[in-house]
Amino acid sequence: MAIESNVAPLNFWQIPQQWWRKKIVPVIANLKFAIALVLIIAVLSITGTVIEQGETPGFYQTNYPESPALFGFLTWKVIQVIGLDHVYRTWWYLALLVLFGISLMTCTFTTQLPMLKSARKWKFYDNPKFFQRLALSAEIDDRNLDELSTQLQTQKYKIFTEGDKLYARKGLIGKIGPIVVHVGMILTLLGGVWGATTGFIAQEMVPSGETFQVKNILDAGPLARNQIPKDWSVKVNRFWIEYTPAGTIDQFYSDLSVIDNDSQKELDRQTIYVNKPLKYDGVYYYQTDWSISGVKVRINNSPIFRLPMAQIGQGAQNRIWGTWIPTKPDLSEGVSLLAKDLQGTLLVYDTKGQLVSSVRAGGELEVNGVTLKVLEVIGGTGLQIKADPGIPIVYLGFGLLMLGVVMSYFSHSQIWAVVKDGKLYLGGRTNRAQVVFERETIAIIERLQHSGMDNLTDDVRVPTVVS
């Protein structure tokens, strides 16, 4: 005998949905959760600012040794295992940004949009007791809504009427402002994540006159391959330094050309300096450093030799470049040539380390029985190459963020009114600028009185404002 059951079958698909809506969504959309994420992201960002990013393993081994460990735990191994040497591209930092973006989106759809939808609706009230619950209310004898509508229109209110009932509002843009702020923040986060996954940072030291492609990449996202230039190269036509009368460096300059790899055609040419980069196809070339890459010399009537110069001193004040020049074919004798800048004065030392003489570019001297002529000191430009496709998205998000903040300052003010039993009941409320709203509404009531209305039956009721 078959037994029929009136119990509906259990839908297992509905259980995760209900659990998600009731348990997970309220937590993600919670303001305290969002603030906690912001604080964590801020701390990690500070860490990425304090700890040098994108340096070589040797740099971290030198500056963050295992003994003694900084703060008792921070060593080069910890930095490289956790990823503190490239914080902004680690999976956990990007995951926090994504989670914060999800929190903002959830809050927008569960709170901000319903609030905007509610604010756009209008509702009329015909019960006088409703007006007593408002922050500001009044009663006026023997009046209709026409004069009140005229006064509200002068204050830029949008008015809705139905019989003897009235609803007016203004400043709805103030309700849209928080949504625009959220959209701006989400776009800013999206731009940051996109830039971290598709951008790269590289550094090159290139002698004057040479053409190069980006090779020395310090940091790159997992999707950065398409951003690294492959079809074109950059030629350093010339690098030079302008000095002040005191002999200090005033500015670096690099004359750069973008060259097509196939046709060798010049696609673009710009002179860059500090804070004025070359931009081509989304890649930026910044002037960041300089060096002495080599020197051109001639011994007696020999061909011109271009000898590389290596950096000896370290630090901004102790940078010295040097090279060794043989003065005999069997390399048994020679002199050392030292330079500290591109102004052209070089110091000549013998094999015993004794200063022999000094010479400027274009000059010559007799040493070890030969004539040594220094033709040119060749400079090298230090370039930082960066590509960040997320920057336009970040700028757009930041612009919307600022716009939304300005929009949020507009007060959303509402006024209700009804004519019942020969009396005009009116009242209103606002979400901010309470004192301004009270003064504005009281002024409307006073103008109604002075236009020929009877005196107020009751005093205008306003709340106490605590400053």
Protein backbone atom coordinates (compact mmCIF):
# COMPACT_ATOMS: atom_id res chain seq x y z
CA MET A 1 0.00 0.00 0.00
CA ALA A 2 1.52 3.32 -1.13
CA ILE A 3 1.82 6.12 1.40
CA GLU A 4 1.67 9.66 0.08
CA SER A 5 3.70 12.36 1.81
CA ASN A 6 2.87 16.07 1.85
CA VAL A 7 6.44 17.01 2.79
CA ALA A 8 8.23 18.89 -0.04
CA PRO A 9 11.52 17.31 -1.16
CA LEU A 10 14.65 18.91 0.27
CA ASN A 11 16.46 21.13 -2.23
CA PHE A 12 20.12 20.80 -1.37
CA TRP A 13 20.98 23.69 -3.70
CA GLN A 14 18.96 26.09 -1.54
CA ILE A 15 20.93 25.24 1.61
CA PRO A 16 24.28 26.74 0.46
CA GLN A 17 22.46 29.80 -0.89
CA GLN A 18 20.65 30.43 2.38
CA TRP A 19 23.80 29.78 4.40
CA TRP A 20 25.75 32.21 2.17
CA ARG A 21 23.13 34.96 2.49
CA LYS A 22 22.62 34.62 6.21
CA LYS A 23 26.15 33.83 7.41
CA ILE A 24 28.76 34.99 4.91
CA VAL A 25 27.27 38.08 3.21
CA PRO A 26 26.56 39.98 6.48
CA VAL A 27 30.17 39.42 7.60
CA ILE A 28 31.72 40.50 4.29
CA ALA A 29 29.49 43.59 4.05
CA ASN A 30 30.15 44.57 7.68
CA LEU A 31 31.88 47.93 8.17
CA LYS A 32 34.15 46.57 10.93
CA PHE A 33 35.34 43.80 8.61
CA ALA A 34 36.15 46.35 5.89
CA ILE A 35 38.03 48.57 8.35
CA ALA A 36 40.05 45.57 9.58
CA LEU A 37 41.02 44.76 5.98
CA VAL A 38 42.07 48.37 5.39
CA LEU A 39 44.29 48.32 8.48
CA ILE A 40 45.93 45.02 7.45
CA ILE A 41 46.55 46.32 3.91
CA ALA A 42 47.98 49.56 5.34
CA VAL A 43 50.41 47.67 7.63
CA LEU A 44 51.58 45.47 4.75
CA SER A 45 51.98 48.51 2.50
CA ILE A 46 54.14 50.17 5.14
CA THR A 47 56.22 46.99 5.31
CA GLY A 48 56.70 47.14 1.54
CA THR A 49 57.83 50.76 1.88
CA VAL A 50 60.30 50.15 4.73
CA ILE A 51 61.84 46.98 3.28
CA GLU A 52 63.60 47.58 -0.02
CA GLN A 53 61.70 46.01 -2.91
CA GLY A 54 63.07 44.13 -5.91
CA GLU A 55 66.72 43.95 -4.80
CA THR A 56 69.11 41.06 -5.43
CA PRO A 57 69.43 38.13 -2.95
CA GLY A 58 72.91 39.36 -2.05
CA PHE A 59 71.52 42.71 -1.01
CA TYR A 60 69.15 41.11 1.51
CA GLN A 61 71.84 38.75 2.80
CA THR A 62 74.08 41.74 3.47
CA ASN A 63 71.46 44.04 5.03
CA TYR A 64 69.32 41.44 6.82
CA PRO A 65 71.76 38.82 8.19
CA GLU A 66 70.69 35.85 10.26
CA SER A 67 72.80 36.96 13.21
CA PRO A 68 71.85 39.32 14.63
CA ALA A 69 68.34 39.20 13.14
CA LEU A 70 66.48 42.48 12.89
CA PHE A 71 63.84 42.62 15.66
CA GLY A 72 64.95 39.10 16.57
CA PHE A 73 63.25 37.39 13.61
CA LEU A 74 63.57 39.40 10.40
CA THR A 75 66.31 37.83 8.29
CA TRP A 76 66.92 37.57 4.56
CA LYS A 77 65.47 34.05 4.56
CA VAL A 78 62.22 35.24 6.16
CA ILE A 79 62.01 38.13 3.70
CA GLN A 80 62.43 35.95 0.64
CA VAL A 81 60.29 33.04 1.83
CA ILE A 82 57.32 35.25 2.77
CA GLY A 83 57.82 37.56 -0.21
CA LEU A 84 58.56 40.79 1.65
CA ASP A 85 61.04 41.67 -1.10
CA HIS A 86 58.09 42.07 -3.53
CA VAL A 87 55.13 42.68 -1.24
CA TYR A 88 52.86 44.30 -3.82
CA ARG A 89 53.00 41.30 -6.16
CA THR A 90 52.57 38.49 -3.60
CA TRP A 91 49.47 36.33 -3.82
CA TRP A 92 48.41 37.13 -0.25
CA TYR A 93 48.62 40.90 -0.76
CA LEU A 94 46.63 40.70 -3.99
CA ALA A 95 44.14 38.35 -2.28
CA LEU A 96 43.57 40.95 0.44
CA LEU A 97 42.92 43.61 -2.21
CA VAL A 98 40.44 41.32 -3.96
CA LEU A 99 38.71 40.49 -0.67
CA PHE A 100 38.43 44.18 0.19
CA GLY A 101 36.96 44.84 -3.27
CA ILE A 102 34.41 42.03 -2.72
CA SER A 103 33.51 43.58 0.64
CA LEU A 104 32.88 46.96 -1.01
CA MET A 105 30.81 45.40 -3.78
CA THR A 106 28.76 43.39 -1.30
CA CYS A 107 28.12 46.50 0.81
CA THR A 108 27.12 48.42 -2.33
CA PHE A 109 24.55 45.84 -3.44
CA THR A 110 23.18 44.96 0.00
CA THR A 111 23.14 48.42 1.62
CA GLN A 112 23.88 51.40 -0.62
CA LEU A 113 21.72 50.51 -3.63
CA PRO A 114 18.67 49.57 -1.49
CA MET A 115 19.08 52.89 0.38
CA LEU A 116 19.17 54.78 -2.92
CA LYS A 117 16.14 52.87 -4.18
CA SER A 118 14.28 53.70 -0.98
CA ALA A 119 15.27 57.37 -1.19
CA ARG A 120 13.95 57.64 -4.76
CA LYS A 121 10.50 56.50 -3.69
CA TRP A 122 8.06 58.96 -2.24
CA LYS A 123 5.33 58.27 0.26
CA PHE A 124 2.53 60.53 1.45
CA TYR A 125 1.28 60.74 5.02
CA ASP A 126 -2.15 61.91 6.16
CA ASN A 127 -1.91 61.12 9.88
CA PRO A 128 -1.00 64.25 11.95
CA LYS A 129 0.71 62.03 14.54
CA PHE A 130 3.38 61.17 11.98
CA PHE A 131 4.58 64.79 11.91
CA GLN A 132 5.14 64.82 15.66
CA ARG A 133 7.82 62.17 15.21
CA LEU A 134 9.85 64.26 12.77
CA ALA A 135 12.87 66.31 13.78
CA LEU A 136 11.13 69.52 12.68
CA SER A 137 7.35 70.03 12.47
CA ALA A 138 4.71 72.76 12.59
CA GLU A 139 0.95 73.35 12.25
CA ILE A 140 -0.60 76.27 10.37
CA ASP A 141 -4.32 77.06 10.36
CA ASP A 142 -6.56 77.30 7.31
CA ARG A 143 -4.03 76.96 4.47
CA ASN A 144 -3.63 74.88 1.32
CA LEU A 145 -0.49 73.45 -0.30
CA ASP A 146 -0.09 75.95 -3.17
CA GLU A 147 1.89 78.59 -1.29
CA LEU A 148 4.00 75.93 0.42
CA SER A 149 4.84 74.45 -3.00
CA THR A 150 5.93 77.88 -4.22
CA GLN A 151 8.25 78.35 -1.24
CA LEU A 152 9.72 74.86 -1.65
CA GLN A 153 10.38 75.42 -5.34
CA THR A 154 12.49 78.48 -4.52
CA GLN A 155 14.66 76.18 -2.37
CA LYS A 156 15.15 73.74 -5.28
CA TYR A 157 12.93 70.99 -3.85
CA LYS A 158 11.36 68.43 -6.17
CA ILE A 159 7.66 68.29 -5.27
CA PHE A 160 5.10 65.47 -5.49
CA THR A 161 1.44 65.99 -4.60
CA GLU A 162 -1.60 63.79 -4.29
CA GLY A 163 -4.81 65.53 -3.29
CA ASP A 164 -4.15 67.33 0.01
CA LYS A 165 -0.84 65.55 0.59
CA LEU A 166 2.65 66.72 -0.40
CA TYR A 167 6.12 65.22 -0.44
CA ALA A 168 9.24 67.22 -1.37
CA ARG A 169 12.90 66.29 -1.49
CA LYS A 170 16.28 67.57 -2.63
CA GLY A 171 19.88 66.43 -2.47
CA LEU A 172 19.31 62.93 -3.81
CA ILE A 173 22.84 63.21 -5.19
CA GLY A 174 24.02 62.83 -1.59
CA LYS A 175 22.63 59.29 -1.61
CA ILE A 176 24.42 58.52 -4.87
CA GLY A 177 27.75 59.83 -3.50
CA PRO A 178 28.58 56.79 -1.29
CA ILE A 179 27.90 54.47 -4.23
CA VAL A 180 30.27 56.49 -6.43
CA VAL A 181 32.87 56.35 -3.62
CA HIS A 182 32.57 52.55 -3.52
CA VAL A 183 32.84 52.29 -7.31
CA GLY A 184 35.92 54.53 -7.23
CA MET A 185 37.57 52.42 -4.54
CA ILE A 186 36.77 49.19 -6.40
CA LEU A 187 38.27 50.59 -9.62
CA THR A 188 41.36 51.74 -7.71
CA LEU A 189 41.81 48.25 -6.26
CA LEU A 190 41.16 46.66 -9.65
CA GLY A 191 43.77 48.92 -11.24
CA GLY A 192 46.28 48.03 -8.54
CA VAL A 193 45.73 44.30 -8.98
CA TRP A 194 45.86 44.57 -12.78
CA GLY A 195 49.06 46.61 -12.64
CA ALA A 196 50.68 44.17 -10.21
CA THR A 197 49.91 41.17 -12.39
CA THR A 198 50.73 42.69 -15.80
CA GLY A 199 53.40 45.32 -15.03
CA PHE A 200 57.16 45.09 -14.63
CA ILE A 201 60.14 47.09 -13.37
CA ALA A 202 63.59 46.89 -14.96
CA GLN A 203 66.87 48.76 -14.69
CA GLU A 204 69.57 49.27 -17.28
CA MET A 205 72.93 51.07 -17.33
CA VAL A 206 73.62 51.95 -20.97
CA PRO A 207 76.69 53.70 -22.43
CA SER A 208 76.22 56.61 -24.82
CA GLY A 209 75.81 55.50 -28.42
CA GLU A 210 74.52 52.00 -27.66
CA THR A 211 71.17 50.40 -28.44
CA PHE A 212 69.55 48.09 -25.92
CA GLN A 213 66.46 46.04 -25.16
CA VAL A 214 64.99 45.49 -21.72
CA LYS A 215 66.78 42.53 -20.13
CA ASN A 216 67.57 43.32 -16.50
CA ILE A 217 64.07 42.89 -15.05
CA LEU A 218 63.91 43.40 -11.30
CA ASP A 219 60.25 42.58 -10.71
CA ALA A 220 57.43 41.46 -12.97
CA GLY A 221 53.89 40.19 -12.64
CA PRO A 222 52.84 36.75 -13.89
CA LEU A 223 51.16 38.32 -16.96
CA ALA A 224 53.86 40.89 -17.73
CA ARG A 225 55.33 39.06 -20.73
CA ASN A 226 53.22 40.98 -23.25
CA GLN A 227 54.28 44.33 -21.79
CA ILE A 228 58.04 43.82 -22.21
CA PRO A 229 59.17 45.46 -25.49
CA LYS A 230 60.16 42.93 -28.16
CA ASP A 231 59.52 44.67 -31.50
CA TRP A 232 61.49 47.82 -30.74
CA SER A 233 64.65 48.90 -28.94
CA VAL A 234 65.98 52.13 -27.46
CA LYS A 235 69.19 53.85 -28.53
CA VAL A 236 71.06 56.21 -26.20
CA ASN A 237 72.18 58.87 -28.67
CA ARG A 238 73.92 60.89 -25.98
CA PHE A 239 74.12 61.23 -22.22
CA TRP A 240 75.40 64.37 -20.52
CA ILE A 241 75.38 66.14 -17.18
CA GLU A 242 75.00 69.82 -16.46
CA TYR A 243 77.02 71.05 -13.49
CA THR A 244 76.54 74.07 -11.25
CA PRO A 245 79.29 76.72 -10.93
CA ALA A 246 80.28 75.03 -7.66
CA GLY A 247 80.97 71.78 -9.50
CA THR A 248 77.95 69.84 -8.23
CA ILE A 249 75.50 68.04 -10.49
CA ASP A 250 72.57 70.16 -11.63
CA GLN A 251 70.71 67.77 -13.98
CA PHE A 252 71.12 64.54 -16.00
CA TYR A 253 70.02 64.35 -19.63
CA SER A 254 69.61 61.43 -22.02
CA ASP A 255 68.80 61.77 -25.70
CA LEU A 256 66.85 58.58 -26.53
CA SER A 257 65.49 57.16 -29.79
CA VAL A 258 62.95 54.36 -30.17
CA ILE A 259 64.12 52.07 -33.02
CA ASP A 260 62.03 49.48 -34.87
CA ASN A 261 63.88 46.17 -34.72
CA ASP A 262 62.98 45.09 -38.27
CA SER A 263 63.30 48.27 -40.32
CA GLN A 264 65.72 50.11 -38.00
CA LYS A 265 63.47 53.14 -38.47
CA GLU A 266 63.36 55.76 -35.73
CA LEU A 267 59.85 55.67 -34.27
CA ASP A 268 60.27 58.39 -31.64
CA ARG A 269 62.97 60.58 -30.15
CA GLN A 270 62.96 62.49 -26.85
CA THR A 271 65.39 64.03 -24.40
CA ILE A 272 64.61 62.89 -20.88
CA TYR A 273 65.74 64.09 -17.48
CA VAL A 274 64.75 63.52 -13.87
CA ASN A 275 60.94 63.58 -13.56
CA LYS A 276 60.52 63.81 -17.35
CA PRO A 277 60.46 60.23 -18.72
CA LEU A 278 60.18 58.84 -22.22
CA LYS A 279 56.81 57.15 -22.76
CA TYR A 280 56.27 54.79 -25.67
CA ASP A 281 53.68 52.04 -26.10
CA GLY A 282 52.81 52.07 -22.39
CA VAL A 283 56.44 51.74 -21.22
CA TYR A 284 58.15 54.53 -19.26
CA TYR A 285 61.91 55.20 -19.28
CA TYR A 286 63.00 57.26 -16.26
CA GLN A 287 66.37 58.96 -15.77
CA THR A 288 67.55 57.68 -12.39
CA ASP A 289 71.34 57.22 -12.38
CA TRP A 290 74.55 57.67 -14.31
CA SER A 291 78.02 56.21 -14.61
CA ILE A 292 81.29 56.46 -16.53
CA SER A 293 81.19 53.51 -18.88
CA GLY A 294 84.49 53.92 -20.67
CA VAL A 295 87.25 56.08 -22.08
CA LYS A 296 88.71 56.45 -25.60
CA VAL A 297 92.51 56.68 -25.70
CA ARG A 298 95.37 56.54 -28.21
CA ILE A 299 98.95 55.50 -27.43
CA ASN A 300 101.44 57.19 -29.76
CA ASN A 301 100.02 56.62 -33.26
CA SER A 302 98.02 53.51 -32.41
CA PRO A 303 94.37 53.00 -33.34
CA ILE A 304 91.80 54.41 -30.91
CA PHE A 305 91.08 52.06 -28.02
CA ARG A 306 87.79 52.14 -26.14
CA LEU A 307 88.47 50.82 -22.65
CA PRO A 308 85.74 50.08 -20.10
CA MET A 309 85.86 51.81 -16.73
CA ALA A 310 84.71 50.02 -13.59
CA GLN A 311 83.24 51.66 -10.53
CA ILE A 312 85.56 51.54 -7.53
CA GLY A 313 84.09 53.75 -4.83
CA GLN A 314 80.60 53.26 -3.39
CA GLY A 315 78.06 55.83 -2.26
CA ALA A 316 76.97 59.12 -3.78
CA GLN A 317 80.04 61.00 -2.49
CA ASN A 318 82.71 58.32 -3.13
CA ARG A 319 81.94 57.12 -6.64
CA ILE A 320 85.16 56.70 -8.62
CA TRP A 321 85.68 54.87 -11.91
CA GLY A 322 88.98 53.44 -13.07
CA THR A 323 90.72 51.48 -15.79
CA TRP A 324 94.22 50.18 -16.53
CA ILE A 325 96.09 51.16 -19.73
CA PRO A 326 99.12 49.10 -20.80
CA THR A 327 102.05 51.14 -22.09
CA LYS A 328 104.08 48.16 -23.36
CA PRO A 329 102.98 45.44 -25.78
CA ASP A 330 103.84 42.68 -23.30
CA LEU A 331 101.59 44.35 -20.66
CA SER A 332 104.51 44.56 -18.23
CA GLU A 333 103.98 48.24 -17.62
CA GLY A 334 100.94 50.49 -17.56
CA VAL A 335 99.10 53.25 -15.78
CA SER A 336 95.79 53.51 -13.97
CA LEU A 337 93.29 56.12 -15.07
CA LEU A 338 90.74 57.38 -12.50
CA ALA A 339 87.76 59.70 -12.93
CA LYS A 340 84.99 60.86 -10.62
CA ASP A 341 82.76 62.77 -13.03
CA LEU A 342 82.21 63.68 -16.67
CA GLN A 343 83.81 67.11 -16.46
CA GLY A 344 86.89 65.65 -18.12
CA THR A 345 89.67 65.66 -15.50
CA LEU A 346 91.33 62.26 -15.03
CA LEU A 347 94.09 61.25 -12.62
CA VAL A 348 96.98 59.07 -13.80
CA TYR A 349 98.71 56.67 -11.35
CA ASP A 350 101.71 54.39 -11.89
CA THR A 351 101.98 50.74 -10.90
CA LYS A 352 103.15 51.73 -7.41
CA GLY A 353 100.05 53.79 -6.76
CA GLN A 354 101.84 57.11 -7.08
CA LEU A 355 100.09 60.03 -8.74
CA VAL A 356 101.85 60.79 -12.02
CA SER A 357 99.76 63.56 -13.49
CA SER A 358 96.27 64.66 -14.44
CA VAL A 359 94.81 65.04 -17.89
CA ARG A 360 91.59 66.35 -19.39
CA ALA A 361 89.60 64.86 -22.24
CA GLY A 362 91.28 65.96 -25.44
CA GLY A 363 94.68 66.34 -23.77
CA GLU A 364 97.80 64.20 -23.79
CA LEU A 365 100.81 63.47 -21.59
CA GLU A 366 104.13 61.61 -21.68
CA VAL A 367 104.20 58.55 -19.43
CA ASN A 368 106.48 55.47 -19.44
CA GLY A 369 108.09 56.68 -22.64
CA VAL A 370 104.86 56.85 -24.66
CA THR A 371 102.41 59.59 -25.52
CA LEU A 372 99.00 58.90 -23.98
CA LYS A 373 96.16 60.91 -25.43
CA VAL A 374 92.69 60.85 -23.80
CA LEU A 375 90.15 61.50 -26.53
CA GLU A 376 86.80 61.14 -24.73
CA VAL A 377 85.25 60.10 -21.44
CA ILE A 378 82.10 58.12 -22.25
CA GLY A 379 79.15 58.48 -19.91
CA GLY A 380 76.45 55.91 -19.26
CA THR A 381 72.84 56.59 -18.39
CA GLY A 382 71.01 54.71 -15.66
CA LEU A 383 67.41 54.09 -16.70
CA GLN A 384 64.53 52.65 -14.75
CA ILE A 385 61.98 51.07 -17.07
CA LYS A 386 58.43 50.58 -15.86
CA ALA A 387 55.13 49.43 -17.30
CA ASP A 388 51.92 49.56 -15.28
CA PRO A 389 48.76 49.02 -17.37
CA GLY A 390 46.65 49.52 -14.26
CA ILE A 391 47.51 53.22 -13.90
CA PRO A 392 44.63 54.55 -16.09
CA ILE A 393 42.17 52.44 -14.09
CA VAL A 394 43.67 53.74 -10.82
CA TYR A 395 43.40 57.35 -12.03
CA LEU A 396 39.77 56.79 -13.07
CA GLY A 397 38.97 55.21 -9.71
CA PHE A 398 40.68 58.01 -7.80
CA GLY A 399 38.75 60.61 -9.81
CA LEU A 400 35.44 58.88 -9.05
CA LEU A 401 36.48 58.59 -5.40
CA MET A 402 37.01 62.35 -5.16
CA LEU A 403 33.76 63.03 -7.05
CA GLY A 404 31.85 60.70 -4.74
CA VAL A 405 33.28 62.38 -1.64
CA VAL A 406 32.10 65.78 -2.93
CA MET A 407 28.66 64.36 -3.80
CA SER A 408 28.34 62.86 -0.32
CA TYR A 409 28.46 66.34 1.22
CA PHE A 410 25.04 67.17 -0.27
CA SER A 411 22.27 66.76 2.30
CA HIS A 412 19.28 64.62 1.43
CA SER A 413 16.39 66.66 2.84
CA GLN A 414 12.71 65.62 2.88
CA ILE A 415 9.53 67.52 3.73
CA TRP A 416 6.01 66.14 4.12
CA ALA A 417 2.80 68.13 4.38
CA VAL A 418 -0.93 67.42 4.60
CA VAL A 419 -4.04 69.58 4.92
CA LYS A 420 -6.52 68.04 7.33
CA ASP A 421 -9.41 69.53 9.34
CA GLY A 422 -8.52 73.03 8.17
CA LYS A 423 -4.86 72.79 9.31
CA LEU A 424 -1.63 72.48 7.35
CA TYR A 425 0.68 69.97 9.00
CA LEU A 426 4.26 69.98 7.77
CA GLY A 427 7.52 68.48 8.90
CA GLY A 428 10.84 67.32 7.60
CA ARG A 429 14.18 65.70 8.23
CA THR A 430 17.64 65.54 6.73
CA ASN A 431 20.61 63.19 6.94
CA ARG A 432 23.22 65.91 7.60
CA ALA A 433 23.62 69.68 8.03
CA GLN A 434 20.76 69.59 10.53
CA VAL A 435 21.12 73.24 11.62
CA VAL A 436 21.06 74.51 8.04
CA PHE A 437 17.95 72.46 7.32
CA GLU A 438 16.19 73.80 10.41
CA ARG A 439 16.96 77.41 9.51
CA GLU A 440 15.81 76.88 5.94
CA THR A 441 12.54 75.21 6.97
CA ILE A 442 11.78 77.80 9.66
CA ALA A 443 12.40 80.55 7.09
CA ILE A 444 9.85 78.89 4.77
CA ILE A 445 7.31 78.80 7.58
CA GLU A 446 7.95 82.45 8.44
CA ARG A 447 7.50 83.52 4.82
CA LEU A 448 4.21 81.65 4.76
CA GLN A 449 3.12 83.60 7.85
CA HIS A 450 4.15 86.95 6.43
CA SER A 451 2.34 86.24 3.18
CA GLY A 452 -0.98 86.48 5.04
CA MET A 453 -1.31 83.21 6.89
CA ASP A 454 -2.64 82.97 10.41
CA ASN A 455 -0.24 82.55 13.31
CA LEU A 456 1.05 79.15 14.13
CA THR A 457 -1.28 77.14 16.31
CA ASP A 458 1.73 75.53 17.98
CA ASP A 459 5.31 76.70 18.15
CA VAL A 460 7.65 75.26 15.62
CA ARG A 461 9.24 72.21 17.22
CA VAL A 462 12.98 71.81 16.62
CA PRO A 463 15.46 69.49 18.29
CA THR A 464 18.24 70.60 20.57
CA VAL A 465 21.52 70.79 18.65
CA VAL A 466 24.66 69.98 20.55
CA SER A 467 27.84 71.38 18.99
